[in-house]
Amino acid sequence: MRNFLVIFSVLFAYQLHAEENINIKKALAEHLNEQLPNYEVAYFDFNSDGVKDAFIYINGSNWCGSGGCTSFVFSGTTNGFKFQSKSMITNKPILVTSTKTNGWYNLVVNTGGIGQVVLTFDGKSYPLNPSMQPKVKEKQLSSVTTILK
């Protein structure tokens, strides 16, 4: 019986992850209104509402420049995902800090020529241009979660 419960739990988690992937692919395709580029996705509950949100790092040639690539944040809903934010010139790793601004966790991204910077949520979105944001302080890195390496 115990083995059955373990197998059931694994299959259920796999099904949930597959549904997340289908839903984010659909949301991204609708937002971009073009053929999907190469991308990586990480799921994290950025706003602590109990529903996973998605961080999408687009690494297609049309989406990257010398300073980095375009990233999106989609907020999770009970019906899928909706566009929340776009940031340009981002590079991995993508980190989530333990602190929040306006109810959303702060993010740390690399940006070309500057290094690691902190992205804070302004109540509607994360900043479009990370290169204009403050450099991360060492103490901010003491408690982070890496969502994309």
Protein backbone atom coordinates (compact mmCIF):
# COMPACT_ATOMS: atom_id res chain seq x y z
CA MET A 1 0.00 0.00 0.00
CA ARG A 2 2.83 2.37 0.87
CA ASN A 3 4.48 1.80 -2.53
CA PHE A 4 1.18 2.56 -4.23
CA LEU A 5 0.93 5.90 -2.41
CA VAL A 6 4.48 6.84 -3.37
CA ILE A 7 3.87 5.97 -7.03
CA PHE A 8 0.55 7.83 -7.00
CA SER A 9 2.21 10.92 -5.48
CA VAL A 10 4.96 10.90 -8.12
CA LEU A 11 2.46 10.51 -10.96
CA PHE A 12 0.24 13.26 -9.55
CA ALA A 13 3.22 15.66 -9.26
CA TYR A 14 4.29 14.79 -12.82
CA GLN A 15 0.76 15.50 -14.09
CA LEU A 16 0.67 18.89 -12.32
CA HIS A 17 4.05 19.84 -13.81
CA ALA A 18 2.93 18.77 -17.29
CA GLU A 19 -0.20 20.93 -16.97
CA GLU A 20 1.92 23.90 -15.83
CA ASN A 21 4.14 23.47 -18.90
CA ILE A 22 1.16 23.33 -21.26
CA ASN A 23 -0.45 26.37 -19.63
CA ILE A 24 2.70 28.49 -19.71
CA LYS A 25 3.40 27.54 -23.32
CA LYS A 26 -0.11 28.66 -24.23
CA ALA A 27 0.17 31.93 -22.27
CA LEU A 28 3.56 32.74 -23.80
CA ALA A 29 2.35 32.01 -27.33
CA GLU A 30 -0.68 34.27 -26.84
CA HIS A 31 1.46 37.06 -25.39
CA LEU A 32 4.13 36.95 -28.11
CA ASN A 33 1.70 36.34 -30.97
CA GLU A 34 4.44 34.57 -32.92
CA GLN A 35 6.21 31.23 -33.10
CA LEU A 36 7.65 30.33 -29.72
CA PRO A 37 11.38 30.98 -29.34
CA ASN A 38 13.70 28.79 -27.28
CA TYR A 39 13.06 29.40 -23.61
CA GLU A 40 13.58 28.07 -20.11
CA VAL A 41 10.93 28.27 -17.43
CA ALA A 42 11.05 28.13 -13.64
CA TYR A 43 7.98 27.96 -11.42
CA PHE A 44 7.91 29.85 -8.12
CA ASP A 45 5.18 31.51 -6.07
CA PHE A 46 6.55 35.07 -6.35
CA ASN A 47 3.51 36.74 -4.73
CA SER A 48 2.78 34.12 -2.04
CA ASP A 49 -0.82 33.58 -3.13
CA GLY A 50 -0.49 29.79 -3.11
CA VAL A 51 -0.35 29.53 -6.93
CA LYS A 52 2.96 29.06 -8.73
CA ASP A 53 4.01 31.85 -11.07
CA ALA A 54 6.43 31.44 -13.99
CA PHE A 55 9.76 33.07 -14.79
CA ILE A 56 10.57 32.65 -18.48
CA TYR A 57 14.08 33.21 -19.81
CA ILE A 58 14.06 33.49 -23.61
CA ASN A 59 17.36 32.48 -25.15
CA GLY A 60 16.57 32.68 -28.85
CA SER A 61 18.88 34.74 -31.07
CA ASN A 62 16.21 37.39 -31.73
CA TRP A 63 15.72 37.85 -27.98
CA CYS A 64 19.31 38.25 -26.79
CA GLY A 65 21.90 40.96 -27.22
CA SER A 66 25.35 41.68 -25.86
CA GLY A 67 23.93 42.56 -22.43
CA GLY A 68 21.63 39.56 -22.00
CA CYS A 69 18.28 38.09 -22.97
CA THR A 70 14.62 38.98 -22.47
CA SER A 71 12.73 37.52 -19.52
CA PHE A 72 9.07 37.46 -18.61
CA VAL A 73 7.14 36.86 -15.41
CA PHE A 74 3.67 35.38 -15.72
CA SER A 75 1.45 35.23 -12.66
CA GLY A 76 -0.26 31.95 -12.01
CA THR A 77 -4.04 31.83 -11.86
CA THR A 78 -6.52 29.03 -11.27
CA ASN A 79 -7.00 28.93 -15.06
CA GLY A 80 -3.38 29.14 -16.22
CA PHE A 81 -1.03 32.12 -16.47
CA LYS A 82 -1.29 35.81 -17.31
CA PHE A 83 1.46 38.21 -18.37
CA GLN A 84 2.85 40.26 -15.50
CA SER A 85 6.24 41.67 -16.41
CA LYS A 86 9.02 41.91 -19.01
CA SER A 87 12.71 42.59 -18.34
CA MET A 88 15.40 43.04 -20.96
CA ILE A 89 19.13 42.23 -20.82
CA THR A 90 18.96 39.53 -18.15
CA ASN A 91 21.44 36.70 -17.70
CA LYS A 92 21.38 33.61 -15.53
CA PRO A 93 21.57 32.62 -12.79
CA ILE A 94 18.17 33.91 -11.72
CA LEU A 95 17.77 34.13 -7.95
CA VAL A 96 14.85 34.85 -5.64
CA THR A 97 15.68 36.66 -2.39
CA SER A 98 13.93 36.15 0.93
CA THR A 99 12.68 39.76 0.92
CA LYS A 100 9.62 41.18 -0.79
CA THR A 101 8.61 44.54 -2.25
CA ASN A 102 4.91 45.30 -2.73
CA GLY A 103 4.06 41.68 -1.89
CA TRP A 104 6.38 40.06 -4.48
CA TYR A 105 9.78 38.50 -3.86
CA ASN A 106 12.78 40.46 -5.10
CA LEU A 107 14.77 38.88 -7.93
CA VAL A 108 18.49 38.95 -8.62
CA VAL A 109 19.65 38.75 -12.23
CA ASN A 110 22.94 39.30 -14.01
CA THR A 111 22.98 42.08 -16.54
CA GLY A 112 25.73 42.72 -19.08
CA GLY A 113 28.67 44.80 -17.93
CA ILE A 114 27.18 45.47 -14.50
CA GLY A 115 26.88 42.13 -12.75
CA GLN A 116 24.16 41.08 -10.34
CA VAL A 117 21.34 43.56 -9.72
CA VAL A 118 18.14 43.46 -7.67
CA LEU A 119 14.75 43.68 -9.37
CA THR A 120 11.95 44.87 -7.09
CA PHE A 121 8.25 44.72 -7.88
CA ASP A 122 6.62 48.17 -8.16
CA GLY A 123 3.06 46.96 -7.61
CA LYS A 124 2.52 46.16 -11.29
CA SER A 125 5.76 44.72 -12.67
CA TYR A 126 9.48 44.19 -12.28
CA PRO A 127 11.74 46.76 -14.02
CA LEU A 128 12.06 46.63 -17.80
CA ASN A 129 15.74 47.62 -17.73
CA PRO A 130 17.77 45.77 -15.08
CA SER A 131 20.90 47.80 -15.87
CA MET A 132 19.27 50.79 -14.16
CA GLN A 133 18.72 48.86 -10.90
CA PRO A 134 20.96 48.74 -7.82
CA LYS A 135 23.74 46.20 -7.60
CA VAL A 136 23.05 43.37 -5.20
CA LYS A 137 24.59 43.63 -1.74
CA GLU A 138 26.40 40.66 -0.26
CA LYS A 139 23.88 40.36 2.61
CA GLN A 140 21.03 40.03 0.06
CA LEU A 141 22.70 36.89 -1.29
CA SER A 142 22.80 35.18 2.11
CA SER A 143 19.32 33.72 1.70
CA VAL A 144 18.40 33.16 -1.95
CA THR A 145 16.78 30.44 -4.01
CA THR A 146 18.25 29.73 -7.44
CA ILE A 147 15.41 29.18 -9.91
CA LEU A 148 17.46 29.08 -13.14
CA LYS A 149 21.17 28.22 -13.36
